[in-house]
Protein backbone atom coordinates (compact mmCIF):
# COMPACT_ATOMS: atom_id res chain seq x y z
CA MET A 1 40.82 -34.78 -69.07
CA LYS A 2 44.13 -36.79 -68.74
CA ARG A 3 45.77 -34.18 -66.52
CA SER A 4 42.50 -33.75 -64.36
CA ARG A 5 42.86 -37.65 -63.85
CA ILE A 6 46.22 -37.10 -62.67
CA ILE A 7 45.71 -34.30 -60.03
CA PHE A 8 42.62 -36.80 -58.54
CA ILE A 9 45.00 -39.42 -58.44
CA ALA A 10 47.40 -37.30 -56.57
CA ILE A 11 44.71 -36.11 -53.84
CA VAL A 12 43.44 -39.58 -53.11
CA GLY A 13 47.34 -41.05 -53.04
CA ILE A 14 48.25 -37.68 -50.50
CA ALA A 15 44.60 -38.56 -48.28
CA ILE A 16 45.28 -42.33 -47.95
CA VAL A 17 48.88 -41.06 -46.67
CA ILE A 18 47.36 -39.20 -44.36
CA VAL A 19 44.71 -42.00 -43.03
CA ALA A 20 47.76 -44.35 -43.22
CA ALA A 21 49.94 -42.00 -40.90
CA ALA A 22 47.13 -41.87 -38.59
CA LEU A 23 46.38 -45.49 -38.05
CA LEU A 24 50.10 -45.87 -37.52
CA LEU A 25 50.53 -43.29 -34.80
CA ARG A 26 47.19 -44.40 -33.23
CA SER A 27 48.55 -48.22 -33.28
CA SER A 28 51.64 -46.85 -31.83
CA GLY A 29 50.05 -44.59 -28.67
CA ARG A 30 51.62 -41.65 -29.96
CA GLU A 31 48.31 -40.12 -31.31
CA GLN A 32 48.31 -36.49 -30.61
CA PRO A 33 45.46 -35.31 -28.14
CA LEU A 34 42.37 -33.70 -29.06
CA VAL A 35 42.48 -31.62 -25.76
CA VAL A 36 44.94 -29.44 -24.02
CA VAL A 37 46.60 -31.26 -21.58
CA PRO A 38 45.94 -29.43 -18.28
CA LYS A 39 49.02 -27.11 -17.03
CA GLY A 40 48.52 -26.74 -13.43
CA PRO A 41 46.14 -24.48 -11.23
CA ILE A 42 45.45 -20.85 -12.05
CA GLN A 43 47.20 -19.17 -9.32
CA VAL A 44 45.70 -16.01 -7.64
CA ARG A 45 47.33 -14.07 -5.14
CA ILE A 46 45.85 -11.48 -3.43
CA LEU A 47 46.83 -8.53 -0.94
CA THR A 48 44.17 -8.64 1.69
CA ALA A 49 43.75 -6.10 4.35
CA LEU A 50 43.90 -7.14 7.98
CA PRO A 51 40.57 -6.34 9.13
CA VAL A 52 39.12 -8.66 6.27
CA GLU A 53 41.80 -10.94 6.27
CA PRO A 54 40.57 -13.91 8.39
CA TRP A 55 36.70 -13.76 6.97
CA VAL A 56 38.68 -13.56 2.99
CA ARG A 57 40.79 -16.29 4.13
CA ALA A 58 38.28 -18.85 5.63
CA ALA A 59 36.35 -18.09 2.29
CA ALA A 60 39.75 -18.78 -0.03
CA GLU A 61 40.41 -21.83 2.11
CA GLN A 62 36.48 -22.81 1.13
CA PHE A 63 36.86 -22.34 -2.49
CA ASN A 64 40.13 -23.67 -2.92
CA GLN A 65 38.05 -26.73 -1.14
CA GLU A 66 35.02 -26.53 -3.88
CA ASP A 67 37.43 -27.05 -6.82
CA HIS A 68 35.94 -24.52 -8.83
CA ARG A 69 37.58 -24.09 -12.45
CA LEU A 70 38.09 -22.22 -15.12
CA ASP A 71 38.50 -23.38 -19.00
CA GLY A 72 39.05 -26.58 -17.27
CA GLU A 73 42.07 -25.52 -15.04
CA ARG A 74 41.52 -25.41 -11.19
CA ILE A 75 41.77 -22.00 -9.35
CA GLN A 76 44.07 -21.69 -6.53
CA VAL A 77 43.81 -18.73 -4.12
CA GLU A 78 46.51 -17.54 -2.00
CA ILE A 79 45.47 -14.91 0.39
CA LEU A 80 48.63 -12.58 1.85
CA ALA A 81 47.51 -10.42 4.97
CA THR A 82 49.36 -7.01 4.20
CA ASP A 83 48.38 -3.46 6.04
CA GLY A 84 46.90 -0.92 3.17
CA LEU A 85 49.51 1.52 3.87
CA THR A 86 52.34 -1.27 3.83
CA ALA A 87 50.72 -2.34 0.25
CA LEU A 88 50.66 0.86 -0.81
CA GLY A 89 53.79 1.70 -0.17
CA LYS A 90 55.40 -1.17 -1.84
CA PHE A 91 53.32 -0.35 -5.29
CA ASP A 92 54.33 3.31 -4.87
CA ARG A 93 58.19 1.82 -4.47
CA ASP A 94 57.06 -0.74 -7.44
CA GLU A 95 58.57 -3.56 -4.98
CA PHE A 96 56.66 -5.81 -7.09
CA GLY A 97 57.81 -5.20 -10.15
CA ALA A 98 55.61 -3.64 -12.99
CA LEU A 99 56.57 -3.96 -16.52
CA ALA A 100 57.93 -1.30 -18.59
CA SER A 101 55.77 -0.18 -21.20
CA GLY A 102 55.95 -1.43 -24.46
CA VAL A 103 57.65 -4.67 -22.76
CA ASP A 104 56.48 -8.25 -23.58
CA PRO A 105 55.90 -10.78 -21.04
CA ALA A 106 56.94 -13.68 -23.66
CA ASP A 107 60.09 -11.86 -23.89
CA LEU A 108 61.16 -11.98 -20.55
CA SER A 109 64.05 -14.21 -18.90
CA ALA A 110 63.47 -17.38 -17.41
CA GLU A 111 64.38 -15.67 -14.12
CA GLN A 112 61.95 -12.77 -15.08
CA GLN A 113 58.78 -14.86 -15.61
CA ALA A 114 59.62 -16.72 -12.38
CA ALA A 115 59.78 -12.89 -10.39
CA MET A 116 56.07 -12.43 -12.63
CA GLU A 117 54.55 -15.73 -10.51
CA ARG A 118 54.75 -13.95 -7.21
CA PHE A 119 53.12 -11.00 -8.52
CA PRO A 120 49.70 -10.25 -7.01
CA THR A 121 46.76 -10.46 -9.47
CA ALA A 122 44.45 -8.26 -6.60
CA TRP A 123 44.51 -6.71 -3.84
CA ILE A 124 41.64 -5.66 -0.93
CA PRO A 125 42.41 -2.38 0.82
CA ASP A 126 40.56 -1.05 3.85
CA SER A 127 39.27 1.45 1.32
CA ARG A 128 38.75 2.37 -2.28
CA TYR A 129 41.01 5.60 -2.18
CA LEU A 130 44.18 3.42 -1.55
CA PRO A 131 43.90 1.69 -5.15
CA GLU A 132 43.00 5.39 -6.76
CA LEU A 133 46.39 6.29 -4.80
CA ALA A 134 48.39 3.42 -5.98
CA ASN A 135 46.73 4.21 -9.77
CA ALA A 136 47.64 7.79 -9.83
CA ALA A 137 51.02 6.47 -9.43
CA TYR A 138 51.72 3.81 -11.95
CA LYS A 139 49.44 5.91 -14.58
CA GLU A 140 52.32 8.81 -14.15
CA ARG A 141 54.98 6.53 -13.98
CA LEU A 142 53.71 3.93 -16.98
CA GLY A 143 51.00 5.81 -18.82
CA ARG A 144 48.29 3.34 -18.27
CA ASP A 145 45.85 2.14 -15.82
CA VAL A 146 46.42 -0.68 -13.62
CA PHE A 147 43.47 -0.64 -11.33
CA LEU A 148 39.83 0.77 -12.81
CA THR A 149 37.19 2.19 -11.67
CA ASP A 150 34.80 0.70 -14.07
CA GLY A 151 34.23 -1.90 -16.30
CA GLU A 152 34.24 -5.72 -15.40
CA TYR A 153 37.48 -5.44 -13.50
CA ARG A 154 36.04 -2.38 -11.68
CA THR A 155 37.03 -1.93 -8.13
CA ARG A 156 34.15 -3.40 -6.15
CA PRO A 157 33.39 -3.10 -2.73
CA LEU A 158 33.46 -6.41 -0.58
CA ALA A 159 32.21 -5.50 2.86
CA LEU A 160 31.89 -2.58 5.11
CA SER A 161 32.89 -1.30 8.67
CA LEU A 162 33.30 1.95 9.98
CA SER A 163 35.33 3.69 12.45
CA THR A 164 33.70 3.76 15.99
CA TRP A 165 34.47 4.73 19.92
CA GLY A 166 34.95 1.94 22.13
CA ILE A 167 35.37 3.36 25.71
CA TYR A 168 34.75 1.42 28.81
CA GLN A 169 31.59 1.49 29.95
CA SER A 170 32.89 2.97 33.75
CA ARG A 171 34.24 5.52 32.18
CA ALA A 172 31.82 6.30 29.24
CA ASP A 173 29.01 6.70 32.15
CA VAL A 174 31.46 9.00 33.74
CA LEU A 175 32.08 11.17 30.47
CA ASP A 176 27.99 11.41 30.03
CA GLN A 177 27.59 12.83 33.19
CA LYS A 178 30.17 15.29 33.10
CA PHE A 179 29.86 16.23 29.20
CA GLY A 180 26.94 14.90 27.82
CA GLU A 181 27.64 13.04 24.35
CA VAL A 182 31.00 11.68 23.12
CA ASP A 183 32.47 13.43 20.68
CA TRP A 184 36.20 14.08 19.60
CA GLN A 185 36.05 17.61 21.68
CA VAL A 186 34.91 15.39 24.60
CA ILE A 187 38.00 13.29 24.37
CA HIS A 188 40.24 16.47 23.75
CA ASP A 189 38.90 17.88 27.17
CA ALA A 190 38.92 14.59 28.85
CA ALA A 191 42.42 14.33 27.49
CA ILE A 192 44.07 17.55 28.67
CA SER A 193 42.46 17.54 32.30
CA LYS A 194 45.08 18.01 34.80
CA GLY A 195 43.43 16.64 37.34
CA GLY A 196 42.83 13.55 35.69
CA TRP A 197 39.78 11.20 36.06
CA PRO A 198 39.13 12.47 39.63
CA GLU A 199 38.77 15.90 37.83
CA LEU A 200 36.05 14.54 35.42
CA GLY A 201 34.24 12.30 38.31
CA GLY A 202 36.30 9.34 38.01
CA GLU A 203 37.98 7.18 40.55
CA PRO A 204 41.45 8.19 41.88
CA GLY A 205 42.24 4.79 40.88
CA TRP A 206 42.03 5.22 36.68
CA GLY A 207 44.42 7.98 36.62
CA PHE A 208 44.69 10.06 33.74
CA PHE A 209 42.32 9.54 30.49
CA LYS A 210 44.15 7.25 28.12
CA LEU A 211 43.21 7.56 24.44
CA VAL A 212 43.31 4.17 21.76
CA VAL A 213 43.80 4.98 18.49
CA PRO A 214 46.15 2.66 16.35
CA ASP A 215 49.48 3.86 14.77
CA PRO A 216 48.77 5.29 11.37
CA ARG A 217 52.09 3.90 10.66
CA LYS A 218 50.93 0.27 10.66
CA ASN A 219 47.14 0.72 10.88
CA VAL A 220 45.07 2.92 8.51
CA GLY A 221 43.00 3.04 11.04
CA GLY A 222 45.16 5.78 12.72
CA LEU A 223 45.37 8.10 10.28
CA THR A 224 41.33 7.93 9.88
CA ALA A 225 41.11 8.69 13.53
CA MET A 226 43.20 12.03 12.44
CA ILE A 227 40.84 12.52 9.97
CA SER A 228 38.04 12.26 11.73
CA ALA A 229 39.32 14.58 14.38
CA ALA A 230 39.95 17.12 11.84
CA GLY A 231 36.23 16.58 10.31
CA GLU A 232 34.85 17.51 13.46
CA TYR A 233 37.28 20.47 14.73
CA TYR A 234 36.57 22.03 11.11
CA GLY A 235 33.10 21.01 11.12
CA ARG A 236 33.09 19.39 7.44
CA PRO A 237 33.60 16.08 5.87
CA ASN A 238 36.84 17.12 3.50
CA ILE A 239 40.13 18.35 4.33
CA SER A 240 42.85 20.10 2.71
CA THR A 241 46.72 19.84 3.38
CA GLU A 242 46.36 23.61 4.32
CA ASP A 243 44.00 22.54 7.06
CA VAL A 244 46.27 19.68 8.59
CA ALA A 245 49.53 22.83 8.51
CA ASP A 246 47.02 25.28 10.27
CA PRO A 247 48.99 25.90 13.93
CA ALA A 248 45.77 26.06 16.16
CA PHE A 249 44.59 22.40 14.63
CA GLN A 250 48.08 21.21 15.03
CA ALA A 251 48.33 22.34 19.08
CA TRP A 252 44.54 21.10 19.41
CA LEU A 253 45.56 17.46 17.52
CA GLY A 254 48.59 17.73 19.83
CA GLU A 255 46.90 17.90 22.69
CA LEU A 256 44.57 15.26 21.84
CA LEU A 257 46.97 12.43 20.72
CA GLY A 258 49.14 13.60 24.35
CA ALA A 259 46.43 11.27 26.10
CA THR A 260 47.77 8.20 23.82
CA THR A 261 49.84 5.55 25.26
CA ASP A 262 53.09 4.84 23.67
CA LEU A 263 52.09 4.50 20.08
CA SER A 264 55.29 3.29 18.70
CA GLY A 265 55.46 0.16 20.37
CA ALA A 266 51.68 -0.73 19.96
CA SER A 267 50.77 -3.57 17.29
CA ALA A 268 48.89 -3.08 14.08
CA TYR A 269 46.19 -5.24 16.32
CA THR A 270 44.99 -2.48 18.30
CA ALA A 271 41.70 -4.09 19.21
CA GLU A 272 43.78 -6.95 19.95
CA ASP A 273 45.73 -5.19 22.67
CA PHE A 274 43.06 -3.56 24.29
CA ALA A 275 41.29 -7.00 24.88
CA LEU A 276 44.91 -8.39 26.12
CA PHE A 277 46.02 -5.30 28.09
CA GLY A 278 43.00 -3.93 28.80
CA TYR A 279 43.01 -0.53 31.22
CA SER A 280 46.82 -0.10 30.89
CA VAL A 281 46.28 0.36 26.72
CA GLY A 282 43.49 3.27 27.69
CA ASP A 283 39.87 3.77 28.66
CA GLY A 284 38.76 4.28 24.90
CA GLY A 285 39.33 4.89 21.57
CA LEU A 286 37.98 5.27 17.85
CA LEU A 287 39.05 1.89 16.28
CA LEU A 288 37.02 0.04 13.43
CA GLU A 289 33.78 -1.46 14.64
CA SER A 290 34.32 -4.84 13.18
CA ASP A 291 37.96 -5.08 15.03
CA LEU A 292 36.00 -3.93 18.26
CA LEU A 293 33.11 -6.66 17.84
CA ASN A 294 35.36 -9.22 17.20
CA ASN A 295 37.31 -8.57 20.47
CA MET A 296 34.07 -7.28 22.80
CA GLN A 297 33.68 -11.03 24.14
CA GLY A 298 37.48 -11.07 25.21
CA ILE A 299 37.63 -7.47 26.99
CA GLU A 300 34.43 -8.44 29.05
CA ASN A 301 35.59 -11.91 30.07
CA ARG A 302 39.15 -10.61 30.92
CA TRP A 303 38.78 -7.39 32.20
CA GLY A 304 35.13 -7.61 33.83
CA GLU A 305 33.31 -4.69 32.54
CA PRO A 306 32.63 -4.58 28.58
CA LEU A 307 32.92 -1.69 25.79
CA SER A 308 30.21 1.15 25.34
CA ILE A 309 29.93 1.61 21.22
CA ARG A 310 29.63 4.95 20.03
CA TYR A 311 29.02 6.57 16.34
CA PRO A 312 31.37 9.69 15.56
CA GLU A 313 29.16 12.60 13.95
CA TYR A 314 32.13 12.39 11.19
CA VAL A 315 32.79 9.04 10.26
CA THR A 316 35.56 6.75 8.14
CA TRP A 317 33.87 4.52 6.15
CA PHE A 318 36.11 1.14 5.30
CA ASP A 319 34.67 -0.36 2.18
CA PHE A 320 37.08 -3.23 1.23
CA PRO A 321 37.39 -3.50 -2.70
CA MET A 322 38.48 -5.85 -4.71
CA SER A 323 41.18 -4.61 -6.87
CA ILE A 324 42.23 -6.53 -9.65
CA TRP A 325 45.38 -6.16 -11.41
CA ILE A 326 44.85 -5.53 -15.22
CA GLY A 327 48.40 -5.00 -16.21
CA PRO A 328 50.05 -7.57 -18.45
CA GLU A 329 52.22 -8.89 -15.63
CA THR A 330 49.29 -11.39 -14.65
CA SER A 331 47.44 -13.55 -17.49
CA ALA A 332 44.13 -13.35 -18.81
CA LEU A 333 42.85 -16.20 -16.82
CA GLN A 334 44.44 -14.94 -13.52
CA LYS A 335 42.26 -12.13 -14.00
CA ASN A 336 39.28 -13.91 -14.81
CA ALA A 337 39.83 -16.53 -11.94
CA ALA A 338 40.23 -13.15 -9.60
CA LEU A 339 36.35 -12.54 -10.82
CA GLU A 340 34.92 -15.96 -10.02
CA PHE A 341 36.38 -15.39 -6.57
CA GLU A 342 35.39 -12.16 -5.83
CA ARG A 343 31.79 -13.19 -7.34
CA TYR A 344 32.26 -16.04 -4.87
CA LEU A 345 32.89 -13.49 -1.85
CA LEU A 346 29.80 -11.58 -3.25
CA SER A 347 27.78 -14.49 -2.87
CA PRO A 348 24.73 -14.50 -0.47
CA GLU A 349 26.08 -17.36 2.00
CA VAL A 350 29.50 -15.77 2.09
CA GLN A 351 28.33 -12.18 2.68
CA GLN A 352 26.36 -13.88 5.43
CA GLN A 353 29.48 -15.08 6.74
CA ALA A 354 31.15 -12.14 6.93
CA ILE A 355 28.65 -11.00 9.97
CA ALA A 356 30.48 -13.39 12.08
CA TYR A 357 33.40 -11.40 11.78
CA GLY A 358 31.99 -7.87 12.48
CA LEU A 359 31.56 -6.84 9.22
CA ARG A 360 28.75 -5.59 7.33
CA PRO A 361 27.80 -7.10 4.26
CA VAL A 362 27.54 -5.23 1.11
CA SER A 363 24.70 -7.31 -0.63
CA SER A 364 21.45 -5.48 0.50
CA ASP A 365 19.59 -9.12 0.66
CA VAL A 366 21.75 -9.53 3.86
CA ALA A 367 20.98 -7.79 7.09
CA VAL A 368 23.38 -7.83 10.02
CA ASP A 369 20.87 -9.47 12.30
CA SER A 370 19.95 -12.48 9.71
CA VAL A 371 22.09 -14.66 11.78
CA ALA A 372 21.33 -15.97 15.50
CA ASP A 373 24.84 -15.62 16.83
CA SER A 374 25.38 -12.22 14.97
CA PRO A 375 27.44 -9.87 16.64
CA PHE A 376 25.00 -6.99 16.05
CA VAL A 377 22.47 -8.38 17.82
CA GLN A 378 24.94 -9.78 20.84
CA TRP A 379 26.32 -5.77 21.61
CA GLU A 380 23.09 -4.46 20.45
CA ALA A 381 22.41 -3.30 24.51
CA GLN A 382 26.39 -2.10 24.16
CA GLY A 383 25.42 0.67 21.46
CA VAL A 384 25.84 -1.72 18.17
CA ALA A 385 23.70 -0.32 15.75
CA PRO A 386 22.73 -2.48 12.89
CA VAL A 387 21.55 0.37 10.67
CA VAL A 388 24.13 3.25 11.46
CA PRO A 389 22.76 6.32 12.62
CA ARG A 390 22.98 9.52 10.30
CA THR A 391 26.32 10.06 10.11
CA ALA A 392 28.95 12.62 7.81
CA ALA A 393 31.08 10.41 6.16
CA MET A 394 34.70 11.90 5.50
CA ARG A 395 35.39 12.30 2.18
CA SER A 396 38.13 10.43 1.08
CA PRO A 397 41.95 12.05 1.64
CA ASP A 398 44.62 12.65 -1.38
CA ARG A 399 48.15 11.34 -1.24
CA ASP A 400 49.44 14.78 -0.10
CA VAL A 401 46.54 15.26 3.09
CA LEU A 402 48.33 11.72 4.08
CA GLN A 403 51.89 12.57 3.75
CA THR A 404 50.95 15.57 5.63
CA LEU A 405 49.69 14.05 8.52
CA LEU A 406 52.35 11.00 8.63
CA ARG A 407 54.85 13.39 8.75
CA TRP A 408 53.44 15.62 11.78
CA PHE A 409 52.73 12.35 13.40
CA GLU A 410 56.21 11.62 12.98
CA LEU A 411 58.04 14.62 14.21
CA ASN A 412 55.47 15.32 17.29
CA VAL A 413 53.82 12.49 18.38
CA ALA A 414 56.24 9.30 17.41
CA ARG A 415 58.41 7.88 20.75
C-alpha cells in the first residue's frame, strides 16, 4: 500500500507541474495554438492551350476572387498560355525537371525545392492524345504514370471544338457553283487551278486561290488539318506512318499546301491573322470553330463580308482535357486544389460562359443556344450548326504519325 501511495502522489505531482506550466505559458502569451498556422495560398499552375486560354483565364480570375479554400488554405490559380505542341515538347525534353524514381522531395536542397514550386500542377492541352503521348514518354523514362486515364485524377474534357471550313462568302459561292459541296478535294482542285479564280468562275482581281491553315510547328490545328486531309484522301478516320509516307499522298498534299501563303511568317493565332489581314492571308481554310467564331464579327466589320462555315466529312475534335500531374513534384494539396478548379470549370455557370468564347460545353445540361448572345445563334445563317452534322471523327494520331507529318512539312512546305 505504501508503494501504491507513493506512485499516486508522484502522478498527482506531475499533473500539477503540467497544469502550472500551461498556466505560466498562457499568462506569458506564449501558449501554442491549437490550430495550424496558415502557410499561404495553395499555388496551382496550369499550362493552358491557346484556344481555351481566354475562357480559362477569366474563370481563374473569378475563382481567385471568390476566395475558394481547401483545408483552410486559399487556392490561387495561375494560368500559363502554352500551345499544345510546345507543352508536349517541354514534357518530352523534361524541361520542367521531373524527379527521378526513388527521389524523396523532402531530401531536395532549398534551390531544388524552389525550382519545384514552378512545376506545372496541371495541363489543359488541345486534345487528350497529347497528355497520353507525354505520359508514355514519362512512363518509359521513370517507370510510372504522370497523367491518368481513370480514377479521381483522370484526364477529363472541359470544353469542345472542332476543325471547320471558313471561306469568304463570295469565294464559297463560286466554289459551290463550280464543284458543289466544299471538301478537301475541291480545295485541292482550286489550289492547282493554273488560271486562278477566273478559271474557277471568280473575279480576276482575286488572283489565285489561297488556302489558310495554321503553321503546324506553332499550332496543333496545322497538324490536325493535314490529318483531316489524309482522312478524306484515304476515306477512313485513321492514318498510319505508311499512309503519310506514301509518295502519291505526299504529292497530293504538297499540291494542296502549295496554295498557302507564307506559313513560316504566320503566328499561332491564324484566325486572328485572318481577321486582321483578310484576303491577303487567304480566301478560306480549315480552322478551329471557336477561333473562327471569335473573329467572325471582326472579319465582317473589317472586310465587308462574312465567312461561310462548312463542316468537313472527316473532322478532328478538340476536347481540352484537364490533366492533373500525379507525380511527387506537386503536393497532395495542389492536386486536390486543381480538382477544385476543374469542378468549377465544369459547373453549369462556367460552362455557359464558355459559349461566349465559341466553345461547346461538355455539360449535357448546357446547350450552345442557351444564351442570348451565343455566337452559335448569331452566325447560324452563315452555316454554324448548334448540333454538328453527322461527320467522321478522326482518331488520335500516334507520335510516329505526328513526327512524320512534321518532318515532311519541314522538308517540303516550310519556307
